[in-house]
């Protein structure tokens, strides 16, 4: 069975719009904001009615028509609120959104600033969210890297001699090569920050397999600053196709890049999962729950169960007045167990 997926894009779009307006120095004021408010209230009534109809139906009846109706009504309401908010005084945007921006993460390319990624958090919640693209991570997959560069990913993405970052290595810094009893003899043992530490360092199954487990990758410094650590849970959304997935924080990436996910996560989101040529440039929405894990790898079932619980808690805790996001909280599609 498939569950309904409520798009998160409208919420983030509204939030980012509010942040942008709070940084401006001037704003126009509409002389009749009450009319816009009444129009939006009418839209809200329609949205709530549509949600109640969808919720009251058996799960097996949540088919394409239900998705289309609910998504359309949410989109209409998002546009209505955005229009009304744009006609309100600047001070209103500042009051609503100023305490939601945690930081602007500076993306860099070849050492040069590329763009800032706003990282947000809603009042009443510890979870943080951001919008970015998605590069594809193959780390942890036993066939990720091969000495002759024939693995799932380009060997250059694992580092270089003396500074291997994506490979398990011995005390001398030399990468382990899988033996005849390992899953992919001759391939390197690819490592991830999240690992089963009860297993040997050179055991390929010690690490989180990017081809099977949906996980996100976060810069280490930013993650520590926001209280997240490997093993915490996340929910990720692709508004372009209404696909979504629960995930786990499985690996640590470069300090100046954000927006990376495992091959399995990309598959769940309908994104091309080729680690060499896949990914998405923009528009992927991430919601991360700090301090939610136990520092250990999890099964698909555990990721789904904990992710669902945390998402419901997030929905209940966020402020009803924080950038109108409460009316757009999502329900995530559950991952399918790996074969």
C-alpha atoms as a PDB file:
ATOM      1  CA  UNK A   1       0.000   0.000   0.000  1.00  0.00           C
ATOM      2  CA  UNK A   2       1.126   3.556  -0.598  1.00  0.00           C
ATOM      3  CA  UNK A   3       0.413   6.412   1.781  1.00  0.00           C
ATOM      4  CA  UNK A   4      -0.453   9.948   0.782  1.00  0.00           C
ATOM      5  CA  UNK A   5       2.435  12.407   0.376  1.00  0.00           C
ATOM      6  CA  UNK A   6       1.743  16.067   1.220  1.00  0.00           C
ATOM      7  CA  UNK A   7       4.200  18.377  -0.499  1.00  0.00           C
ATOM      8  CA  UNK A   8       6.646  20.211   1.761  1.00  0.00           C
ATOM      9  CA  UNK A   9       7.721  22.625  -0.987  1.00  0.00           C
ATOM     10  CA  UNK A  10       5.041  25.214  -0.264  1.00  0.00           C
ATOM     11  CA  UNK A  11       6.111  25.414   3.355  1.00  0.00           C
ATOM     12  CA  UNK A  12       9.792  25.924   2.625  1.00  0.00           C
ATOM     13  CA  UNK A  13       8.989  28.362  -0.176  1.00  0.00           C
ATOM     14  CA  UNK A  14       6.928  30.469   2.210  1.00  0.00           C
ATOM     15  CA  UNK A  15       9.653  30.329   4.847  1.00  0.00           C
ATOM     16  CA  UNK A  16      12.435  31.332   2.481  1.00  0.00           C
ATOM     17  CA  UNK A  17      10.265  34.130   1.103  1.00  0.00           C
ATOM     18  CA  UNK A  18       9.748  35.432   4.630  1.00  0.00           C
ATOM     19  CA  UNK A  19      13.468  35.322   5.374  1.00  0.00           C
ATOM     20  CA  UNK A  20      14.257  37.144   2.151  1.00  0.00           C
ATOM     21  CA  UNK A  21      11.727  39.861   2.883  1.00  0.00           C
ATOM     22  CA  UNK A  22      13.060  40.295   6.422  1.00  0.00           C
ATOM     23  CA  UNK A  23      16.438  41.211   4.897  1.00  0.00           C
ATOM     24  CA  UNK A  24      14.979  43.952   2.725  1.00  0.00           C
ATOM     25  CA  UNK A  25      14.889  47.578   3.846  1.00  0.00           C
ATOM     26  CA  UNK A  26      11.557  48.581   2.293  1.00  0.00           C
ATOM     27  CA  UNK A  27       8.180  46.994   1.725  1.00  0.00           C
ATOM     28  CA  UNK A  28       4.821  48.087   0.353  1.00  0.00           C
ATOM     29  CA  UNK A  29       1.685  48.001   2.507  1.00  0.00           C
ATOM     30  CA  UNK A  30      -1.698  47.042   1.126  1.00  0.00           C
ATOM     31  CA  UNK A  31      -4.466  49.237   2.564  1.00  0.00           C
ATOM     32  CA  UNK A  32      -6.878  46.273   2.852  1.00  0.00           C
ATOM     33  CA  UNK A  33      -5.038  43.278   4.346  1.00  0.00           C
ATOM     34  CA  UNK A  34      -8.221  42.038   6.022  1.00  0.00           C
ATOM     35  CA  UNK A  35      -9.696  41.024   2.679  1.00  0.00           C
ATOM     36  CA  UNK A  36      -6.631  38.892   1.864  1.00  0.00           C
ATOM     37  CA  UNK A  37      -6.828  37.281   5.279  1.00  0.00           C
ATOM     38  CA  UNK A  38     -10.483  36.377   4.745  1.00  0.00           C
ATOM     39  CA  UNK A  39      -9.663  34.883   1.334  1.00  0.00           C
ATOM     40  CA  UNK A  40      -6.899  32.761   2.872  1.00  0.00           C
ATOM     41  CA  UNK A  41      -9.147  31.620   5.683  1.00  0.00           C
ATOM     42  CA  UNK A  42     -11.603  30.365   3.081  1.00  0.00           C
ATOM     43  CA  UNK A  43      -8.784  28.485   1.385  1.00  0.00           C
ATOM     44  CA  UNK A  44      -7.761  27.019   4.722  1.00  0.00           C
ATOM     45  CA  UNK A  45     -11.298  25.737   5.286  1.00  0.00           C
ATOM     46  CA  UNK A  46     -11.205  23.994   1.906  1.00  0.00           C
ATOM     47  CA  UNK A  47      -7.802  22.474   2.651  1.00  0.00           C
ATOM     48  CA  UNK A  48      -8.914  21.141   6.012  1.00  0.00           C
ATOM     49  CA  UNK A  49     -12.042  19.652   4.453  1.00  0.00           C
ATOM     50  CA  UNK A  50      -9.950  17.921   1.791  1.00  0.00           C
ATOM     51  CA  UNK A  51      -7.540  16.580   4.406  1.00  0.00           C
ATOM     52  CA  UNK A  52     -10.406  15.210   6.505  1.00  0.00           C
ATOM     53  CA  UNK A  53     -11.869  13.440   3.471  1.00  0.00           C
ATOM     54  CA  UNK A  54      -8.495  11.870   2.656  1.00  0.00           C
ATOM     55  CA  UNK A  55      -7.763  10.892   6.252  1.00  0.00           C
ATOM     56  CA  UNK A  56     -11.177   9.290   6.737  1.00  0.00           C
ATOM     57  CA  UNK A  57     -10.789   7.010   3.713  1.00  0.00           C
ATOM     58  CA  UNK A  58      -9.092   3.620   4.062  1.00  0.00           C
ATOM     59  CA  UNK A  59      -5.374   3.734   3.280  1.00  0.00           C
ATOM     60  CA  UNK A  60      -5.851   1.553   0.234  1.00  0.00           C
ATOM     61  CA  UNK A  61      -8.111   4.229  -1.274  1.00  0.00           C
ATOM     62  CA  UNK A  62      -5.418   6.944  -1.253  1.00  0.00           C
ATOM     63  CA  UNK A  63      -5.013   6.863  -5.018  1.00  0.00           C
ATOM     64  CA  UNK A  64      -3.842   9.345  -7.629  1.00  0.00           C
ATOM     65  CA  UNK A  65      -7.060  11.400  -7.566  1.00  0.00           C
ATOM     66  CA  UNK A  66      -6.705  11.953  -3.821  1.00  0.00           C
ATOM     67  CA  UNK A  67      -3.109  13.086  -4.301  1.00  0.00           C
ATOM     68  CA  UNK A  68      -4.071  15.515  -7.050  1.00  0.00           C
ATOM     69  CA  UNK A  69      -6.979  17.075  -5.158  1.00  0.00           C
ATOM     70  CA  UNK A  70      -5.064  17.529  -1.914  1.00  0.00           C
ATOM     71  CA  UNK A  71      -1.935  18.828  -3.633  1.00  0.00           C
ATOM     72  CA  UNK A  72      -3.962  21.314  -5.690  1.00  0.00           C
ATOM     73  CA  UNK A  73      -5.718  22.722  -2.635  1.00  0.00           C
ATOM     74  CA  UNK A  74      -2.466  23.049  -0.731  1.00  0.00           C
ATOM     75  CA  UNK A  75      -0.800  24.791  -3.641  1.00  0.00           C
ATOM     76  CA  UNK A  76      -3.712  27.229  -3.949  1.00  0.00           C
ATOM     77  CA  UNK A  77      -3.560  28.007  -0.241  1.00  0.00           C
ATOM     78  CA  UNK A  78       0.218  28.460  -0.329  1.00  0.00           C
ATOM     79  CA  UNK A  79      -0.117  30.973  -3.158  1.00  0.00           C
ATOM     80  CA  UNK A  80      -2.883  32.767  -1.290  1.00  0.00           C
ATOM     81  CA  UNK A  81      -0.874  33.088   1.930  1.00  0.00           C
ATOM     82  CA  UNK A  82       2.218  34.171   0.027  1.00  0.00           C
ATOM     83  CA  UNK A  83       0.289  36.885  -1.798  1.00  0.00           C
ATOM     84  CA  UNK A  84      -1.308  38.161   1.391  1.00  0.00           C
ATOM     85  CA  UNK A  85       2.000  38.101   3.242  1.00  0.00           C
ATOM     86  CA  UNK A  86       3.718  40.049   0.490  1.00  0.00           C
ATOM     87  CA  UNK A  87       1.140  42.784   0.993  1.00  0.00           C
ATOM     88  CA  UNK A  88       1.765  42.998   4.739  1.00  0.00           C
ATOM     89  CA  UNK A  89       4.228  45.317   6.517  1.00  0.00           C
ATOM     90  CA  UNK A  90       7.878  44.202   6.687  1.00  0.00           C
ATOM     91  CA  UNK A  91       7.712  44.062  10.471  1.00  0.00           C
ATOM     92  CA  UNK A  92       5.246  41.181  10.258  1.00  0.00           C
ATOM     93  CA  UNK A  93       7.707  39.090   8.254  1.00  0.00           C
ATOM     94  CA  UNK A  94      10.476  39.908  10.712  1.00  0.00           C
ATOM     95  CA  UNK A  95       8.391  38.839  13.692  1.00  0.00           C
ATOM     96  CA  UNK A  96       7.305  35.595  12.039  1.00  0.00           C
ATOM     97  CA  UNK A  97      10.598  34.468  10.544  1.00  0.00           C
ATOM     98  CA  UNK A  98      13.527  36.157  12.313  1.00  0.00           C
ATOM     99  CA  UNK A  99      13.904  33.428  14.929  1.00  0.00           C
ATOM    100  CA  UNK A 100      13.590  30.602  12.392  1.00  0.00           C
ATOM    101  CA  UNK A 101      16.874  31.178  10.530  1.00  0.00           C
ATOM    102  CA  UNK A 102      19.660  29.250  12.265  1.00  0.00           C
ATOM    103  CA  UNK A 103      22.455  30.046   9.832  1.00  0.00           C
ATOM    104  CA  UNK A 104      23.352  30.616   6.208  1.00  0.00           C
ATOM    105  CA  UNK A 105      25.563  27.734   5.081  1.00  0.00           C
ATOM    106  CA  UNK A 106      28.083  28.959   2.513  1.00  0.00           C
ATOM    107  CA  UNK A 107      28.423  26.557  -0.394  1.00  0.00           C
ATOM    108  CA  UNK A 108      31.811  26.753  -2.084  1.00  0.00           C
ATOM    109  CA  UNK A 109      33.190  25.404  -5.363  1.00  0.00           C
ATOM    110  CA  UNK A 110      36.933  25.155  -5.901  1.00  0.00           C
ATOM    111  CA  UNK A 111      37.378  27.370  -2.851  1.00  0.00           C
ATOM    112  CA  UNK A 112      35.146  30.153  -4.178  1.00  0.00           C
ATOM    113  CA  UNK A 113      31.746  31.079  -2.663  1.00  0.00           C
ATOM    114  CA  UNK A 114      28.899  29.664  -4.732  1.00  0.00           C
ATOM    115  CA  UNK A 115      25.671  30.389  -2.837  1.00  0.00           C
ATOM    116  CA  UNK A 116      24.227  30.450   0.661  1.00  0.00           C
ATOM    117  CA  UNK A 117      21.852  27.752   1.884  1.00  0.00           C
ATOM    118  CA  UNK A 118      19.537  29.013   4.673  1.00  0.00           C
ATOM    119  CA  UNK A 119      19.174  26.475   7.482  1.00  0.00           C
ATOM    120  CA  UNK A 120      15.886  26.882   9.368  1.00  0.00           C
ATOM    121  CA  UNK A 121      14.252  25.660  12.542  1.00  0.00           C
ATOM    122  CA  UNK A 122      10.686  26.269  13.650  1.00  0.00           C
ATOM    123  CA  UNK A 123       9.766  27.447  17.148  1.00  0.00           C
ATOM    124  CA  UNK A 124       8.937  24.524  19.404  1.00  0.00           C
ATOM    125  CA  UNK A 125      11.118  22.057  17.487  1.00  0.00           C
ATOM    126  CA  UNK A 126      14.765  20.970  17.468  1.00  0.00           C
ATOM    127  CA  UNK A 127      14.599  19.669  13.881  1.00  0.00           C
ATOM    128  CA  UNK A 128      16.254  21.785  11.186  1.00  0.00           C
ATOM    129  CA  UNK A 129      15.517  21.963   7.478  1.00  0.00           C
ATOM    130  CA  UNK A 130      17.028  23.258   4.267  1.00  0.00           C
ATOM    131  CA  UNK A 131      16.582  23.128   0.494  1.00  0.00           C
ATOM    132  CA  UNK A 132      19.443  22.044  -1.734  1.00  0.00           C
ATOM    133  CA  UNK A 133      20.327  19.747  -4.587  1.00  0.00           C
ATOM    134  CA  UNK A 134      21.429  16.159  -4.162  1.00  0.00           C
ATOM    135  CA  UNK A 135      24.733  14.662  -5.202  1.00  0.00           C
ATOM    136  CA  UNK A 136      24.871  10.873  -5.050  1.00  0.00           C
ATOM    137  CA  UNK A 137      26.952   9.014  -2.469  1.00  0.00           C
ATOM    138  CA  UNK A 138      27.999   5.403  -3.119  1.00  0.00           C
ATOM    139  CA  UNK A 139      30.125   5.090   0.028  1.00  0.00           C
ATOM    140  CA  UNK A 140      29.570   1.972   2.081  1.00  0.00           C
ATOM    141  CA  UNK A 141      28.508  -0.085  -0.923  1.00  0.00           C
ATOM    142  CA  UNK A 142      30.921  -3.023  -1.255  1.00  0.00           C
ATOM    143  CA  UNK A 143      31.321  -2.337  -4.983  1.00  0.00           C
ATOM    144  CA  UNK A 144      31.681   1.445  -4.649  1.00  0.00           C
ATOM    145  CA  UNK A 145      35.397   1.702  -5.497  1.00  0.00           C
ATOM    146  CA  UNK A 146      37.879  -0.462  -7.397  1.00  0.00           C
ATOM    147  CA  UNK A 147      41.626   0.038  -7.883  1.00  0.00           C
ATOM    148  CA  UNK A 148      41.113   0.302 -11.650  1.00  0.00           C
ATOM    149  CA  UNK A 149      38.272   2.849 -11.147  1.00  0.00           C
ATOM    150  CA  UNK A 150      35.531   0.490 -12.349  1.00  0.00           C
ATOM    151  CA  UNK A 151      33.354   0.779  -9.227  1.00  0.00           C
ATOM    152  CA  UNK A 152      30.011   2.507  -8.795  1.00  0.00           C
ATOM    153  CA  UNK A 153      31.756   5.815  -8.132  1.00  0.00           C
ATOM    154  CA  UNK A 154      34.842   7.575  -9.410  1.00  0.00           C
ATOM    155  CA  UNK A 155      37.810   6.588  -7.260  1.00  0.00           C
ATOM    156  CA  UNK A 156      38.766  10.259  -6.991  1.00  0.00           C
ATOM    157  CA  UNK A 157      35.715  10.775  -4.766  1.00  0.00           C
ATOM    158  CA  UNK A 158      37.247   8.424  -2.199  1.00  0.00           C
ATOM    159  CA  UNK A 159      40.378  10.580  -1.871  1.00  0.00           C
ATOM    160  CA  UNK A 160      43.890   9.850  -3.031  1.00  0.00           C
ATOM    161  CA  UNK A 161      46.941   7.904  -1.800  1.00  0.00           C
ATOM    162  CA  UNK A 162      47.800   9.045   1.698  1.00  0.00           C
ATOM    163  CA  UNK A 163      44.518  10.889   2.204  1.00  0.00           C
ATOM    164  CA  UNK A 164      41.833   8.279   1.547  1.00  0.00           C
ATOM    165  CA  UNK A 165      38.532   9.518   2.994  1.00  0.00           C
ATOM    166  CA  UNK A 166      35.963   7.105   1.580  1.00  0.00           C
ATOM    167  CA  UNK A 167      37.941   3.905   2.129  1.00  0.00           C
ATOM    168  CA  UNK A 168      38.656   1.797   5.197  1.00  0.00           C
ATOM    169  CA  UNK A 169      42.405   1.678   5.784  1.00  0.00           C
ATOM    170  CA  UNK A 170      44.992   0.106   8.052  1.00  0.00           C
ATOM    171  CA  UNK A 171      47.268   1.801  10.560  1.00  0.00           C
ATOM    172  CA  UNK A 172      49.657   2.778   7.765  1.00  0.00           C
ATOM    173  CA  UNK A 173      46.893   4.495   5.789  1.00  0.00           C
ATOM    174  CA  UNK A 174      46.709   1.777   3.124  1.00  0.00           C
ATOM    175  CA  UNK A 175      43.176   0.882   1.962  1.00  0.00           C
ATOM    176  CA  UNK A 176      41.831  -2.595   2.522  1.00  0.00           C
ATOM    177  CA  UNK A 177      41.055  -4.727  -0.538  1.00  0.00           C
ATOM    178  CA  UNK A 178      38.275  -7.312  -0.258  1.00  0.00           C
ATOM    179  CA  UNK A 179      39.310 -10.938  -0.222  1.00  0.00           C
ATOM    180  CA  UNK A 180      37.741 -14.063  -1.753  1.00  0.00           C
ATOM    181  CA  UNK A 181      35.197 -14.423   1.055  1.00  0.00           C
ATOM    182  CA  UNK A 182      34.000 -10.820   0.869  1.00  0.00           C
ATOM    183  CA  UNK A 183      31.040  -9.581  -1.228  1.00  0.00           C
ATOM    184  CA  UNK A 184      33.178  -8.084  -4.038  1.00  0.00           C
ATOM    185  CA  UNK A 185      36.707  -9.535  -4.110  1.00  0.00           C
ATOM    186  CA  UNK A 186      39.256  -7.109  -5.488  1.00  0.00           C
ATOM    187  CA  UNK A 187      37.220  -4.022  -4.629  1.00  0.00           C
ATOM    188  CA  UNK A 188      38.229  -1.626  -1.885  1.00  0.00           C
ATOM    189  CA  UNK A 189      36.341  -1.677   1.427  1.00  0.00           C
ATOM    190  CA  UNK A 190      34.334   1.537   1.293  1.00  0.00           C
ATOM    191  CA  UNK A 191      33.637   3.191   4.650  1.00  0.00           C
ATOM    192  CA  UNK A 192      31.012   5.523   6.103  1.00  0.00           C
ATOM    193  CA  UNK A 193      31.014   7.639   9.251  1.00  0.00           C
ATOM    194  CA  UNK A 194      28.129   5.570  10.617  1.00  0.00           C
ATOM    195  CA  UNK A 195      29.367   2.036  11.261  1.00  0.00           C
ATOM    196  CA  UNK A 196      28.695  -1.131  13.223  1.00  0.00           C
ATOM    197  CA  UNK A 197      31.698  -0.964  15.530  1.00  0.00           C
ATOM    198  CA  UNK A 198      31.225  -4.534  16.685  1.00  0.00           C
ATOM    199  CA  UNK A 199      32.659  -5.619  13.316  1.00  0.00           C
ATOM    200  CA  UNK A 200      36.247  -5.459  12.077  1.00  0.00           C
ATOM    201  CA  UNK A 201      37.452  -2.328  10.289  1.00  0.00           C
ATOM    202  CA  UNK A 202      38.142  -4.342   7.131  1.00  0.00           C
ATOM    203  CA  UNK A 203      34.673  -5.977   7.117  1.00  0.00           C
ATOM    204  CA  UNK A 204      32.595  -4.459   4.266  1.00  0.00           C
ATOM    205  CA  UNK A 205      29.393  -5.122   6.236  1.00  0.00           C
ATOM    206  CA  UNK A 206      30.585  -2.844   9.050  1.00  0.00           C
ATOM    207  CA  UNK A 207      29.506   0.187   7.023  1.00  0.00           C
ATOM    208  CA  UNK A 208      26.159   1.549   5.780  1.00  0.00           C
ATOM    209  CA  UNK A 209      25.566   0.347   2.225  1.00  0.00           C
ATOM    210  CA  UNK A 210      24.574   3.344   0.091  1.00  0.00           C
ATOM    211  CA  UNK A 211      22.975   1.080  -2.497  1.00  0.00           C
ATOM    212  CA  UNK A 212      20.524  -0.353   0.055  1.00  0.00           C
ATOM    213  CA  UNK A 213      20.067   2.143   2.908  1.00  0.00           C
ATOM    214  CA  UNK A 214      18.593   5.643   2.398  1.00  0.00           C
ATOM    215  CA  UNK A 215      20.905   8.059   4.148  1.00  0.00           C
ATOM    216  CA  UNK A 216      21.839  11.738   4.076  1.00  0.00           C
ATOM    217  CA  UNK A 217      25.315  13.219   4.178  1.00  0.00           C
ATOM    218  CA  UNK A 218      26.038  16.336   6.251  1.00  0.00           C
ATOM    219  CA  UNK A 219      29.152  18.487   6.696  1.00  0.00           C
ATOM    220  CA  UNK A 220      30.740  17.524  10.003  1.00  0.00           C
ATOM    221  CA  UNK A 221      31.146  21.034  11.380  1.00  0.00           C
ATOM    222  CA  UNK A 222      27.615  22.132  10.575  1.00  0.00           C
ATOM    223  CA  UNK A 223      26.171  18.900  11.940  1.00  0.00           C
ATOM    224  CA  UNK A 224      27.997  19.335  15.256  1.00  0.00           C
ATOM    225  CA  UNK A 225      26.928  22.968  15.465  1.00  0.00           C
ATOM    226  CA  UNK A 226      23.273  21.963  15.099  1.00  0.00           C
ATOM    227  CA  UNK A 227      23.494  18.951  17.404  1.00  0.00           C
ATOM    228  CA  UNK A 228      23.254  16.222  14.756  1.00  0.00           C
ATOM    229  CA  UNK A 229      25.433  13.136  14.718  1.00  0.00           C
ATOM    230  CA  UNK A 230      25.641  10.040  12.499  1.00  0.00           C
ATOM    231  CA  UNK A 231      22.757   7.734  13.274  1.00  0.00           C
ATOM    232  CA  UNK A 232      20.152  10.498  13.603  1.00  0.00           C
ATOM    233  CA  UNK A 233      17.050  10.373  11.436  1.00  0.00           C
ATOM    234  CA  UNK A 234      15.746  12.566   8.629  1.00  0.00           C
ATOM    235  CA  UNK A 235      12.882  12.967   6.188  1.00  0.00           C
ATOM    236  CA  UNK A 236      13.608  14.037   2.610  1.00  0.00           C
ATOM    237  CA  UNK A 237      11.153  15.336  -0.009  1.00  0.00           C
ATOM    238  CA  UNK A 238      11.207  15.773  -3.771  1.00  0.00           C
ATOM    239  CA  UNK A 239       8.359  18.218  -4.578  1.00  0.00           C
ATOM    240  CA  UNK A 240       8.856  17.762  -8.329  1.00  0.00           C
ATOM    241  CA  UNK A 241       7.293  14.312  -8.218  1.00  0.00           C
ATOM    242  CA  UNK A 242       5.741  14.218  -4.713  1.00  0.00           C
ATOM    243  CA  UNK A 243       8.120  11.430  -3.665  1.00  0.00           C
ATOM    244  CA  UNK A 244       9.550  11.306  -0.159  1.00  0.00           C
ATOM    245  CA  UNK A 245      11.618   9.053   2.048  1.00  0.00           C
ATOM    246  CA  UNK A 246      12.769   8.592   5.593  1.00  0.00           C
ATOM    247  CA  UNK A 247      16.525   8.399   5.962  1.00  0.00           C
ATOM    248  CA  UNK A 248      19.374   8.183   8.450  1.00  0.00           C
ATOM    249  CA  UNK A 249      22.411  10.463   8.826  1.00  0.00           C
ATOM    250  CA  UNK A 250      24.927   7.980   7.450  1.00  0.00           C
ATOM    251  CA  UNK A 251      28.034   9.823   6.331  1.00  0.00           C
ATOM    252  CA  UNK A 252      30.007  13.031   6.786  1.00  0.00           C
ATOM    253  CA  UNK A 253      30.866  15.102   3.721  1.00  0.00           C
ATOM    254  CA  UNK A 254      33.037  18.103   2.807  1.00  0.00           C
ATOM    255  CA  UNK A 255      32.888  21.130   5.101  1.00  0.00           C
ATOM    256  CA  UNK A 256      31.792  23.430   2.274  1.00  0.00           C
ATOM    257  CA  UNK A 257      29.136  21.306   0.546  1.00  0.00           C
ATOM    258  CA  UNK A 258      25.600  20.377   1.552  1.00  0.00           C
ATOM    259  CA  UNK A 259      22.959  18.338  -0.228  1.00  0.00           C
ATOM    260  CA  UNK A 260      24.076  14.744  -0.647  1.00  0.00           C
ATOM    261  CA  UNK A 261      22.304  11.415  -0.300  1.00  0.00           C
ATOM    262  CA  UNK A 262      22.845   7.724  -0.802  1.00  0.00           C
ATOM    263  CA  UNK A 263      21.960   5.861  -3.972  1.00  0.00           C
ATOM    264  CA  UNK A 264      19.053   4.200  -2.170  1.00  0.00           C
ATOM    265  CA  UNK A 265      17.697   7.576  -1.051  1.00  0.00           C
ATOM    266  CA  UNK A 266      17.889   8.896  -4.603  1.00  0.00           C
ATOM    267  CA  UNK A 267      15.986   5.849  -5.845  1.00  0.00           C
ATOM    268  CA  UNK A 268      13.235   6.473  -3.287  1.00  0.00           C
ATOM    269  CA  UNK A 269      12.968  10.098  -4.418  1.00  0.00           C
ATOM    270  CA  UNK A 270      12.851   9.321  -8.132  1.00  0.00           C
ATOM    271  CA  UNK A 271      16.275  10.902  -8.697  1.00  0.00           C
ATOM    272  CA  UNK A 272      18.865   9.345 -10.996  1.00  0.00           C
ATOM    273  CA  UNK A 273      21.014   7.369  -8.563  1.00  0.00           C
ATOM    274  CA  UNK A 274      24.151   6.919 -10.681  1.00  0.00           C
ATOM    275  CA  UNK A 275      26.983   8.044  -8.370  1.00  0.00           C
ATOM    276  CA  UNK A 276      29.011   9.212 -11.362  1.00  0.00           C
ATOM    277  CA  UNK A 277      26.349  11.075 -13.340  1.00  0.00           C
ATOM    278  CA  UNK A 278      23.163  11.239 -11.287  1.00  0.00           C
ATOM    279  CA  UNK A 279      21.696  13.652  -8.759  1.00  0.00           C
ATOM    280  CA  UNK A 280      19.587  16.799  -8.719  1.00  0.00           C
ATOM    281  CA  UNK A 281      20.803  20.375  -8.956  1.00  0.00           C
ATOM    282  CA  UNK A 282      18.190  21.945  -6.656  1.00  0.00           C
ATOM    283  CA  UNK A 283      14.785  21.582  -5.093  1.00  0.00           C
ATOM    284  CA  UNK A 284      15.291  18.698  -2.648  1.00  0.00           C
ATOM    285  CA  UNK A 285      14.017  19.385   0.880  1.00  0.00           C
ATOM    286  CA  UNK A 286      15.681  17.941   3.964  1.00  0.00           C
ATOM    287  CA  UNK A 287      14.294  17.763   7.501  1.00  0.00           C
ATOM    288  CA  UNK A 288      16.825  16.455  10.072  1.00  0.00           C
ATOM    289  CA  UNK A 289      16.076  15.402  13.656  1.00  0.00           C
ATOM    290  CA  UNK A 290      19.163  16.017  15.857  1.00  0.00           C
ATOM    291  CA  UNK A 291      19.913  13.669  18.767  1.00  0.00           C
ATOM    292  CA  UNK A 292      17.302  11.196  17.527  1.00  0.00           C
ATOM    293  CA  UNK A 293      19.534   8.172  16.915  1.00  0.00           C
ATOM    294  CA  UNK A 294      21.778   5.893  18.931  1.00  0.00           C
ATOM    295  CA  UNK A 295      24.917   6.192  16.808  1.00  0.00           C
ATOM    296  CA  UNK A 296      24.385   2.809  15.154  1.00  0.00           C
ATOM    297  CA  UNK A 297      23.233   1.650  11.715  1.00  0.00           C
ATOM    298  CA  UNK A 298      19.538   0.773  11.445  1.00  0.00           C
ATOM    299  CA  UNK A 299      17.378  -1.480   9.308  1.00  0.00           C
ATOM    300  CA  UNK A 300      14.889  -0.155   6.767  1.00  0.00           C
ATOM    301  CA  UNK A 301      12.061  -1.000   9.153  1.00  0.00           C
ATOM    302  CA  UNK A 302      13.705   0.921  12.002  1.00  0.00           C
ATOM    303  CA  UNK A 303      14.355   3.940   9.792  1.00  0.00           C
ATOM    304  CA  UNK A 304      10.717   3.991   8.704  1.00  0.00           C
ATOM    305  CA  UNK A 305       9.350   3.491  12.206  1.00  0.00           C
ATOM    306  CA  UNK A 306      11.530   6.055  13.955  1.00  0.00           C
ATOM    307  CA  UNK A 307      11.180   8.512  11.087  1.00  0.00           C
ATOM    308  CA  UNK A 308       7.399   8.319  11.201  1.00  0.00           C
ATOM    309  CA  UNK A 309       7.357   8.802  14.971  1.00  0.00           C
ATOM    310  CA  UNK A 310       9.679  11.809  14.804  1.00  0.00           C
ATOM    311  CA  UNK A 311       7.720  13.401  11.968  1.00  0.00           C
ATOM    312  CA  UNK A 312       4.480  13.124  13.921  1.00  0.00           C
ATOM    313  CA  UNK A 313       6.158  14.681  16.966  1.00  0.00           C
ATOM    314  CA  UNK A 314       7.485  17.484  14.779  1.00  0.00           C
ATOM    315  CA  UNK A 315       4.026  18.168  13.391  1.00  0.00           C
ATOM    316  CA  UNK A 316       2.632  18.391  16.921  1.00  0.00           C
ATOM    317  CA  UNK A 317       5.398  20.617  18.292  1.00  0.00           C
ATOM    318  CA  UNK A 318       5.889  23.330  15.703  1.00  0.00           C
ATOM    319  CA  UNK A 319       4.367  26.735  16.276  1.00  0.00           C
ATOM    320  CA  UNK A 320       1.067  27.234  14.404  1.00  0.00           C
ATOM    321  CA  UNK A 321       2.164  30.753  13.466  1.00  0.00           C
ATOM    322  CA  UNK A 322       5.681  30.064  12.175  1.00  0.00           C
ATOM    323  CA  UNK A 323       5.567  31.169   8.534  1.00  0.00           C
ATOM    324  CA  UNK A 324       2.298  29.271   7.946  1.00  0.00           C
ATOM    325  CA  UNK A 325       4.180  25.968   7.738  1.00  0.00           C
ATOM    326  CA  UNK A 326       1.935  23.960  10.044  1.00  0.00           C
ATOM    327  CA  UNK A 327      -0.728  23.803   7.349  1.00  0.00           C
ATOM    328  CA  UNK A 328       1.726  22.064   5.007  1.00  0.00           C
ATOM    329  CA  UNK A 329       3.343  19.358   7.162  1.00  0.00           C
ATOM    330  CA  UNK A 330       4.110  16.247   5.095  1.00  0.00           C
ATOM    331  CA  UNK A 331       3.432  12.556   5.312  1.00  0.00           C
ATOM    332  CA  UNK A 332       6.388  10.564   4.047  1.00  0.00           C
ATOM    333  CA  UNK A 333       6.293   7.496   1.893  1.00  0.00           C
ATOM    334  CA  UNK A 334       7.842   4.489   3.631  1.00  0.00           C
ATOM    335  CA  UNK A 335      10.905   2.803   2.164  1.00  0.00           C
ATOM    336  CA  UNK A 336      10.673  -0.698   0.826  1.00  0.00           C
ATOM    337  CA  UNK A 337      12.981  -3.282   2.430  1.00  0.00           C
ATOM    338  CA  UNK A 338      16.060  -3.978   0.356  1.00  0.00           C
ATOM    339  CA  UNK A 339      16.257  -7.316  -1.368  1.00  0.00           C
END
